[in-house]
N, C-alpha and C. Protein backbone atom coordinates (compact mmCIF):
# COMPACT_ATOMS: atom_id res chain seq x y z
N ASN A 1 0.92 -1.16 -0.04
CA ASN A 1 0.18 0.06 -0.07
C ASN A 1 0.71 1.33 0.14
N VAL A 2 2.38 0.92 0.35
CA VAL A 2 2.58 2.70 0.35
C VAL A 2 3.22 2.99 -1.01
N ILE A 3 3.48 1.55 -1.55
CA ILE A 3 3.95 2.04 -3.85
C ILE A 3 2.28 2.78 -4.16
N CYS A 4 1.40 2.00 -3.61
CA CYS A 4 0.36 2.43 -4.09
C CYS A 4 -0.11 4.11 -3.66
N SER A 5 0.26 4.55 -2.35
CA SER A 5 0.17 5.96 -1.92
C SER A 5 1.24 7.19 -3.09
N ILE A 6 1.95 6.10 -3.37
CA ILE A 6 3.35 7.35 -4.03
C ILE A 6 2.89 6.93 -5.26
N LEU A 7 2.23 5.97 -6.26
CA LEU A 7 1.96 6.07 -7.21
C LEU A 7 0.51 6.51 -7.68
N PHE A 8 -0.28 6.42 -6.34
CA PHE A 8 -1.83 6.80 -7.34
C PHE A 8 -2.34 7.81 -5.66
N ASN A 9 -1.64 8.17 -5.17
CA ASN A 9 -2.08 9.06 -4.10
C ASN A 9 -3.03 8.46 -3.22
N GLU A 10 -3.18 7.00 -3.28
CA GLU A 10 -4.39 6.22 -2.53
C GLU A 10 -4.37 4.71 -1.67
N ARG A 11 -4.73 4.42 -0.91
CA ARG A 11 -4.23 2.92 -0.35
C ARG A 11 -5.72 2.38 -0.44
N PHE A 12 -5.26 1.26 -0.84
CA PHE A 12 -6.26 0.30 -0.66
C PHE A 12 -6.85 -0.53 0.71
N PRO A 13 -7.98 -0.42 1.13
CA PRO A 13 -8.26 -1.64 2.31
C PRO A 13 -7.90 -3.14 1.84
N TYR A 14 -7.73 -3.90 3.15
CA TYR A 14 -6.57 -4.81 2.63
C TYR A 14 -7.85 -6.05 2.47
N ASN A 15 -9.14 -5.56 2.06
CA ASN A 15 -9.95 -6.23 1.81
C ASN A 15 -10.68 -6.19 0.32
N ASP A 16 -10.12 -5.23 -0.19
CA ASP A 16 -10.51 -4.37 -1.54
C ASP A 16 -10.53 -5.29 -2.52
N LYS A 17 -11.68 -5.59 -2.98
CA LYS A 17 -11.73 -6.54 -4.43
C LYS A 17 -10.33 -6.45 -5.39
N THR A 18 -10.45 -5.13 -5.63
CA THR A 18 -9.53 -4.57 -6.94
C THR A 18 -8.51 -5.03 -6.61
N PHE A 19 -7.88 -4.45 -5.10
CA PHE A 19 -6.37 -4.85 -4.71
C PHE A 19 -5.98 -6.22 -4.28
N LEU A 20 -6.84 -6.93 -3.79
CA LEU A 20 -6.99 -8.49 -3.90
C LEU A 20 -7.13 -9.11 -5.01
N ASN A 21 -7.21 -8.45 -6.49
CA ASN A 21 -7.31 -9.08 -7.59
C ASN A 21 -5.47 -9.28 -7.90
N LEU A 22 -5.21 -7.63 -7.96
CA LEU A 22 -3.76 -7.47 -8.58
C LEU A 22 -2.98 -8.58 -7.44
N MET A 23 -3.08 -8.15 -6.08
CA MET A 23 -2.24 -9.35 -5.52
C MET A 23 -1.94 -10.63 -5.67
N ASP A 24 -3.23 -11.38 -6.40
CA ASP A 24 -3.14 -12.65 -6.87
C ASP A 24 -3.11 -12.43 -8.11
N LEU A 25 -3.00 -11.95 -9.03
CA LEU A 25 -1.94 -11.86 -10.20
C LEU A 25 -0.27 -11.86 -10.22
N LEU A 26 -0.19 -10.76 -9.12
CA LEU A 26 0.80 -10.52 -9.32
C LEU A 26 1.74 -12.21 -8.16
N ASN A 27 0.88 -12.58 -7.38
CA ASN A 27 1.54 -14.26 -7.11
C ASN A 27 1.48 -14.90 -7.75
N LYS A 28 0.37 -15.44 -8.69
CA LYS A 28 0.52 -16.48 -9.81
C LYS A 28 1.55 -15.71 -10.83
N ASN A 29 2.19 -14.58 -11.08
CA ASN A 29 3.13 -14.46 -11.29
C ASN A 29 4.73 -14.75 -10.91
N PHE A 30 4.62 -14.79 -9.93
CA PHE A 30 5.68 -14.90 -9.19
C PHE A 30 6.06 -16.69 -8.82
N TYR A 31 5.15 -17.19 -8.83
CA TYR A 31 5.02 -18.98 -8.93
C TYR A 31 5.90 -18.97 -10.53
N GLN A 32 5.43 -18.50 -11.12
CA GLN A 32 5.43 -19.26 -12.52
C GLN A 32 7.05 -18.35 -13.22
N LEU A 33 7.96 -17.48 -12.40
CA LEU A 33 8.95 -16.87 -13.09
C LEU A 33 9.85 -18.05 -13.15
N ASN A 34 9.87 -18.72 -12.61
CA ASN A 34 11.46 -19.90 -12.76
C ASN A 34 11.19 -20.74 -14.14
N SER A 35 9.78 -20.62 -14.92
CA SER A 35 9.62 -21.73 -15.81
C SER A 35 10.16 -21.22 -16.62
N ILE A 36 10.57 -22.87 -17.83
CA ILE A 36 11.11 -22.65 -18.54
C ILE A 36 10.40 -22.08 -19.73
N TRP A 37 9.63 -21.56 -19.74
CA TRP A 37 8.44 -21.07 -20.73
C TRP A 37 8.71 -19.35 -20.16
N ILE A 38 8.62 -18.76 -18.96
CA ILE A 38 9.04 -17.32 -19.21
C ILE A 38 10.36 -17.07 -19.31
N GLN A 39 11.53 -18.08 -19.01
CA GLN A 39 12.89 -18.09 -19.27
C GLN A 39 12.86 -17.60 -21.02
N MET A 40 12.32 -18.74 -21.44
CA MET A 40 12.34 -18.48 -23.06
C MET A 40 11.42 -17.27 -23.18
N TYR A 41 10.22 -16.78 -22.77
CA TYR A 41 9.38 -15.58 -23.15
C TYR A 41 10.67 -14.45 -23.28
N ASN A 42 11.58 -14.70 -21.99
CA ASN A 42 12.32 -13.49 -21.87
C ASN A 42 13.49 -13.33 -23.02
N LEU A 43 13.79 -14.60 -23.30
CA LEU A 43 14.67 -14.52 -24.70
C LEU A 43 14.83 -14.51 -25.65
N TRP A 44 13.14 -14.95 -25.90
CA TRP A 44 12.67 -14.61 -27.26
C TRP A 44 11.21 -13.98 -27.29
N PRO A 45 10.68 -12.60 -27.43
CA PRO A 45 9.57 -12.54 -26.83
C PRO A 45 8.86 -12.66 -28.11
N THR A 46 9.64 -11.92 -29.24
CA THR A 46 8.71 -12.35 -30.35
C THR A 46 8.62 -13.39 -31.21
N ILE A 47 9.31 -14.75 -30.67
CA ILE A 47 8.73 -15.87 -31.32
C ILE A 47 7.56 -16.28 -30.52
N MET A 48 8.30 -16.16 -29.47
CA MET A 48 7.28 -16.83 -27.96
C MET A 48 5.73 -16.61 -28.06
N LYS A 49 5.29 -15.35 -28.88
CA LYS A 49 3.96 -14.71 -28.71
C LYS A 49 3.08 -15.42 -29.61
N TYR A 50 3.88 -16.30 -30.59
CA TYR A 50 2.74 -17.01 -31.36
C TYR A 50 3.34 -19.02 -31.27
N ILE A 51 4.03 -18.97 -29.52
CA ILE A 51 4.02 -20.58 -29.31
C ILE A 51 2.62 -20.63 -28.25
N PRO A 52 1.64 -21.46 -28.14
CA PRO A 52 1.10 -21.47 -27.13
C PRO A 52 2.01 -22.32 -25.68
N GLY A 53 1.32 -21.79 -24.70
CA GLY A 53 2.13 -22.23 -23.57
C GLY A 53 1.73 -21.03 -22.51
N LYS A 54 2.33 -21.77 -21.06
CA LYS A 54 2.17 -21.28 -19.93
C LYS A 54 2.23 -19.47 -20.03
N HIS A 55 3.38 -19.21 -20.78
CA HIS A 55 3.82 -17.93 -20.64
C HIS A 55 2.67 -16.73 -20.72
N ARG A 56 1.57 -17.37 -22.11
CA ARG A 56 0.26 -16.31 -22.57
C ARG A 56 -0.40 -16.22 -21.16
N GLU A 57 -0.50 -17.09 -20.30
CA GLU A 57 -1.17 -16.77 -18.96
C GLU A 57 -0.39 -15.46 -18.35
N PHE A 58 0.79 -15.81 -18.16
CA PHE A 58 1.79 -14.80 -17.42
C PHE A 58 1.77 -13.47 -18.03
N SER A 59 1.84 -13.13 -19.27
CA SER A 59 1.36 -11.66 -20.37
C SER A 59 0.07 -11.14 -20.05
N LYS A 60 -0.82 -12.33 -19.70
CA LYS A 60 -2.29 -11.68 -19.74
C LYS A 60 -2.29 -10.62 -18.12
N ARG A 61 -1.14 -11.91 -17.18
CA ARG A 61 -1.79 -11.16 -15.90
C ARG A 61 -1.22 -9.85 -15.65
N LEU A 62 0.07 -9.88 -16.50
CA LEU A 62 0.83 -8.41 -16.77
C LEU A 62 0.34 -7.70 -17.22
N GLY A 63 -0.64 -8.04 -18.37
CA GLY A 63 -1.69 -6.89 -19.03
C GLY A 63 -2.37 -6.20 -18.19
N GLY A 64 -3.28 -6.83 -17.02
CA GLY A 64 -4.25 -6.57 -15.99
C GLY A 64 -3.45 -5.28 -15.06
N VAL A 65 -2.40 -5.93 -14.58
CA VAL A 65 -1.74 -4.61 -14.47
C VAL A 65 -1.93 -3.79 -15.24
N LYS A 66 -1.18 -3.40 -16.40
CA LYS A 66 -0.86 -2.32 -17.07
C LYS A 66 -2.81 -1.72 -16.87
N ASN A 67 -3.25 -2.39 -17.31
CA ASN A 67 -4.49 -1.56 -17.36
C ASN A 67 -5.14 -1.37 -16.14
N PHE A 68 -4.84 -1.50 -14.80
CA PHE A 68 -5.13 -1.34 -13.96
C PHE A 68 -4.77 0.43 -13.70
N ILE A 69 -3.28 -0.11 -14.12
CA ILE A 69 -2.15 1.48 -13.78
C ILE A 69 -2.84 2.65 -14.91
N LEU A 70 -3.24 2.09 -16.08
CA LEU A 70 -3.94 2.92 -17.27
C LEU A 70 -5.10 3.55 -16.76
N GLU A 71 -5.95 2.68 -15.99
CA GLU A 71 -6.97 3.23 -15.71
C GLU A 71 -7.23 4.60 -14.25
N LYS A 72 -6.00 3.97 -13.65
CA LYS A 72 -5.78 4.98 -12.61
C LYS A 72 -5.44 6.33 -13.43
N VAL A 73 -4.53 5.92 -14.52
CA VAL A 73 -4.07 7.16 -15.44
C VAL A 73 -4.93 7.96 -15.87
N LYS A 74 -6.20 7.73 -16.46
CA LYS A 74 -7.10 7.99 -16.88
C LYS A 74 -7.75 8.99 -15.83
N GLU A 75 -7.97 8.54 -14.91
CA GLU A 75 -8.20 9.38 -13.64
C GLU A 75 -8.22 10.45 -13.10
N HIS A 76 -6.51 10.33 -13.26
CA HIS A 76 -5.49 11.35 -13.26
C HIS A 76 -5.48 12.83 -13.98
N GLN A 77 -5.85 12.00 -15.29
CA GLN A 77 -5.75 13.01 -16.56
C GLN A 77 -6.85 14.22 -15.98
N GLU A 78 -7.96 13.37 -15.47
CA GLU A 78 -9.17 13.94 -15.38
C GLU A 78 -9.28 15.34 -14.46
N SER A 79 -8.34 14.70 -13.66
CA SER A 79 -8.42 15.88 -12.50
C SER A 79 -7.00 16.76 -11.83
N LEU A 80 -6.03 16.44 -13.33
CA LEU A 80 -4.47 16.84 -13.18
C LEU A 80 -4.61 18.16 -12.78
N ASP A 81 -3.95 18.76 -11.88
CA ASP A 81 -3.71 20.19 -11.56
C ASP A 81 -1.91 20.43 -11.84
N PRO A 82 -1.24 20.45 -12.98
CA PRO A 82 0.01 20.47 -12.87
C PRO A 82 1.11 21.47 -12.00
N ALA A 83 0.13 22.52 -11.63
CA ALA A 83 0.77 23.01 -10.54
C ALA A 83 1.29 22.33 -9.04
N ASN A 84 0.16 21.48 -8.82
CA ASN A 84 -0.27 20.90 -7.70
C ASN A 84 0.08 19.32 -8.02
N PRO A 85 1.01 18.87 -8.45
CA PRO A 85 1.12 17.43 -8.05
C PRO A 85 1.16 16.48 -6.86
N ARG A 86 0.24 15.49 -7.08
CA ARG A 86 -0.25 14.07 -5.89
C ARG A 86 0.68 13.64 -5.82
N ASP A 87 1.03 12.71 -6.73
CA ASP A 87 1.98 11.38 -6.90
C ASP A 87 2.62 11.56 -7.99
N TYR A 88 3.43 10.29 -8.51
CA TYR A 88 4.02 10.21 -9.54
C TYR A 88 3.25 9.85 -11.15
N ILE A 89 1.86 9.41 -11.10
CA ILE A 89 1.16 9.53 -12.00
C ILE A 89 1.28 11.03 -12.43
N ASP A 90 0.67 12.15 -11.79
CA ASP A 90 0.62 13.38 -12.01
C ASP A 90 2.31 13.94 -12.03
N CYS A 91 2.86 13.74 -11.61
CA CYS A 91 4.37 13.93 -12.26
C CYS A 91 4.53 13.66 -13.27
N PHE A 92 4.30 12.39 -14.08
CA PHE A 92 4.86 12.00 -15.27
C PHE A 92 3.82 12.39 -16.22
N LEU A 93 2.32 12.44 -16.01
CA LEU A 93 1.67 13.58 -16.94
C LEU A 93 2.06 14.82 -17.29
N SER A 94 2.72 15.56 -16.49
CA SER A 94 3.06 16.89 -16.56
C SER A 94 4.46 16.88 -17.27
N LYS A 95 5.08 16.07 -16.90
CA LYS A 95 6.43 15.98 -17.76
C LYS A 95 5.78 15.49 -19.10
N ILE A 96 5.10 14.57 -19.49
CA ILE A 96 4.35 14.38 -20.96
C ILE A 96 4.02 15.61 -21.66
N GLU A 97 3.17 16.16 -20.79
CA GLU A 97 2.83 17.73 -21.27
C GLU A 97 4.19 19.12 -21.58
N GLU A 98 4.91 18.58 -20.71
CA GLU A 98 5.77 19.54 -21.02
C GLU A 98 7.19 18.96 -22.23
N GLU A 99 7.09 17.98 -22.44
CA GLU A 99 7.77 17.49 -23.77
C GLU A 99 7.32 16.55 -25.04
N LYS A 100 5.91 17.52 -25.10
CA LYS A 100 4.98 17.17 -25.94
C LYS A 100 5.40 17.67 -27.36
N HIS A 101 6.45 18.29 -27.07
CA HIS A 101 6.96 18.96 -28.72
C HIS A 101 8.19 18.11 -29.10
N ASN A 102 8.99 17.35 -28.12
CA ASN A 102 9.87 16.64 -28.29
C ASN A 102 9.41 15.34 -28.76
N LEU A 103 10.15 15.24 -29.97
CA LEU A 103 9.24 13.48 -30.73
C LEU A 103 10.12 12.43 -30.34
N LYS A 104 11.64 12.85 -29.53
CA LYS A 104 12.66 11.55 -29.02
C LYS A 104 11.74 11.76 -27.75
N SER A 105 10.69 12.12 -26.87
CA SER A 105 10.69 11.85 -25.97
C SER A 105 10.62 10.26 -25.24
N ASP A 106 10.77 10.24 -23.87
CA ASP A 106 10.38 8.91 -23.38
C ASP A 106 9.30 9.31 -22.87
N PHE A 107 8.93 10.00 -22.32
CA PHE A 107 7.91 10.78 -21.68
C PHE A 107 6.22 10.59 -22.36
N ASN A 108 5.74 9.64 -22.41
CA ASN A 108 4.34 9.04 -22.91
C ASN A 108 3.59 8.09 -22.60
N LEU A 109 2.30 8.22 -22.52
CA LEU A 109 1.71 6.87 -22.12
C LEU A 109 2.03 5.54 -21.58
N GLU A 110 2.56 4.76 -23.08
CA GLU A 110 2.88 3.95 -22.82
C GLU A 110 3.92 3.64 -21.84
N ASN A 111 4.88 4.50 -21.60
CA ASN A 111 6.32 4.53 -20.55
C ASN A 111 5.42 4.66 -19.23
N LEU A 112 4.39 5.49 -19.67
CA LEU A 112 3.75 5.83 -17.97
C LEU A 112 3.07 4.46 -17.35
N ALA A 113 2.92 3.96 -18.47
CA ALA A 113 1.86 2.45 -17.92
C ALA A 113 2.72 1.17 -17.56
N ILE A 114 4.64 1.20 -18.15
CA ILE A 114 5.15 0.12 -18.16
C ILE A 114 5.64 0.59 -16.91
N CYS A 115 6.34 1.60 -16.74
CA CYS A 115 7.14 2.33 -15.46
C CYS A 115 6.16 1.99 -14.13
N GLY A 116 4.77 2.90 -14.40
CA GLY A 116 3.92 2.31 -13.18
C GLY A 116 3.56 0.79 -12.97
N SER A 117 3.46 0.40 -14.28
CA SER A 117 3.21 -1.22 -13.86
C SER A 117 4.51 -1.76 -12.89
N ASN A 118 5.56 -1.78 -13.73
CA ASN A 118 7.41 -2.28 -12.77
C ASN A 118 7.41 -1.77 -11.46
N LEU A 119 6.77 0.05 -10.96
CA LEU A 119 7.14 0.33 -9.70
C LEU A 119 6.05 -0.40 -8.80
N PHE A 120 4.50 -0.67 -9.51
CA PHE A 120 3.89 -1.55 -8.49
C PHE A 120 3.98 -2.83 -8.22
N THR A 121 4.74 -3.24 -9.26
CA THR A 121 5.16 -4.84 -8.89
C THR A 121 6.41 -4.54 -7.90
N ALA A 122 7.10 -4.57 -8.34
CA ALA A 122 8.56 -4.38 -7.42
C ALA A 122 8.18 -3.84 -6.17
N GLY A 123 7.57 -3.10 -5.72
CA GLY A 123 6.79 -2.17 -4.39
C GLY A 123 6.00 -3.42 -3.89
N THR A 124 5.27 -3.99 -4.83
CA THR A 124 4.17 -4.94 -3.82
C THR A 124 4.37 -6.27 -3.36
N GLU A 125 5.60 -6.31 -4.42
CA GLU A 125 6.34 -7.87 -4.17
C GLU A 125 7.38 -7.85 -3.35
N THR A 126 8.32 -7.03 -3.34
CA THR A 126 9.53 -6.97 -2.89
C THR A 126 9.76 -7.32 -1.44
N THR A 127 9.16 -7.22 -0.68
CA THR A 127 9.30 -7.32 0.89
C THR A 127 8.82 -9.48 0.80
N SER A 128 7.87 -9.27 0.48
CA SER A 128 6.83 -10.67 0.89
C SER A 128 7.72 -11.43 -0.49
N THR A 129 8.26 -11.32 -1.21
CA THR A 129 9.13 -12.13 -2.16
C THR A 129 10.35 -12.79 -1.48
N THR A 130 10.87 -11.44 -1.00
CA THR A 130 12.65 -11.99 -0.47
C THR A 130 12.16 -12.40 0.73
N LEU A 131 11.48 -12.34 1.36
CA LEU A 131 11.15 -13.43 2.99
C LEU A 131 10.93 -14.69 2.32
N ARG A 132 10.18 -14.88 1.33
CA ARG A 132 9.56 -16.20 0.57
C ARG A 132 10.80 -16.60 0.20
N PHE A 133 11.51 -16.29 -0.28
CA PHE A 133 12.65 -16.45 -1.37
C PHE A 133 13.98 -17.04 -0.17
N GLY A 134 14.28 -16.54 0.85
CA GLY A 134 15.39 -16.52 1.72
C GLY A 134 14.82 -17.73 3.02
N LEU A 135 13.57 -17.90 3.16
CA LEU A 135 12.82 -19.05 3.83
C LEU A 135 12.92 -20.56 3.01
N LEU A 136 12.94 -20.43 1.21
CA LEU A 136 12.72 -21.47 0.81
C LEU A 136 14.54 -21.98 0.46
N LEU A 137 15.22 -20.91 1.20
CA LEU A 137 16.57 -21.42 0.70
C LEU A 137 17.22 -21.73 1.91
N LEU A 138 16.74 -21.21 2.80
CA LEU A 138 16.66 -21.92 4.15
C LEU A 138 16.33 -23.49 4.15
N VAL A 139 15.17 -23.51 3.87
CA VAL A 139 14.59 -25.21 4.04
C VAL A 139 15.64 -26.01 3.02
N LYS A 140 15.97 -25.27 1.67
CA LYS A 140 17.15 -26.16 1.26
C LYS A 140 18.15 -26.49 1.26
N HIS A 141 18.88 -25.58 2.49
CA HIS A 141 20.34 -25.90 2.73
C HIS A 141 20.03 -25.27 4.30
N PRO A 142 19.95 -26.85 4.81
CA PRO A 142 20.07 -26.99 6.18
C PRO A 142 21.32 -26.38 7.48
N GLU A 143 22.20 -26.26 6.28
CA GLU A 143 23.55 -26.22 6.92
C GLU A 143 23.58 -24.89 7.33
N VAL A 144 23.03 -24.17 5.66
CA VAL A 144 23.11 -22.32 6.24
C VAL A 144 21.66 -21.82 7.32
N GLN A 145 20.70 -22.82 7.29
CA GLN A 145 19.71 -23.06 8.70
C GLN A 145 20.41 -22.89 9.78
N ALA A 146 21.22 -23.99 10.32
CA ALA A 146 21.71 -23.87 11.17
C ALA A 146 22.35 -22.90 11.79
N LYS A 147 23.15 -22.42 11.16
CA LYS A 147 24.02 -20.92 10.91
C LYS A 147 23.01 -19.80 11.31
N VAL A 148 22.28 -19.39 10.97
CA VAL A 148 21.10 -18.71 10.98
C VAL A 148 20.44 -19.02 12.71
N HIS A 149 20.74 -19.92 13.16
CA HIS A 149 19.83 -20.69 14.27
C HIS A 149 20.69 -20.35 15.40
N GLU A 150 22.00 -20.93 14.66
CA GLU A 150 22.99 -20.42 15.78
C GLU A 150 23.37 -18.85 15.91
N GLU A 151 23.42 -18.15 14.88
CA GLU A 151 23.77 -16.36 15.13
C GLU A 151 22.12 -16.23 15.87
N LEU A 152 21.54 -16.90 15.73
CA LEU A 152 20.07 -16.00 16.73
C LEU A 152 20.00 -16.30 18.27
N ASP A 153 20.46 -17.73 18.03
CA ASP A 153 20.62 -18.16 19.70
C ASP A 153 22.05 -16.95 20.35
């Protein structure tokens, strides 16, 4: 929710259906990250979009997060006051307007959606993913687990 405040100037109740749906999308993608399909997709995205497989579900879920960000962008466009930015989206939208005559500018709605999605995903998953990964490593390597236990004692 901290990242939501930074991105959207909004916090979600932890039982909010939209928030829970987004968390579900991210969790499902996390479990799929190490699959061969996703590794192949990362290497050959152009080819892989024509091949059936689990990577398509992964991409759809990423699209769901991106669509959520785009909805928030539309809401912000309707109430934007460039003199009083409320959050990341407002600042990015102001920069888009400022650079609208620069044809080489990277400030556009597509990049806003991608950057917003990346920040949302990273900000949401970082702590839980790191803890989960650390605990799984400890389970896999009991000798390291013993050293950690010794340090804690």
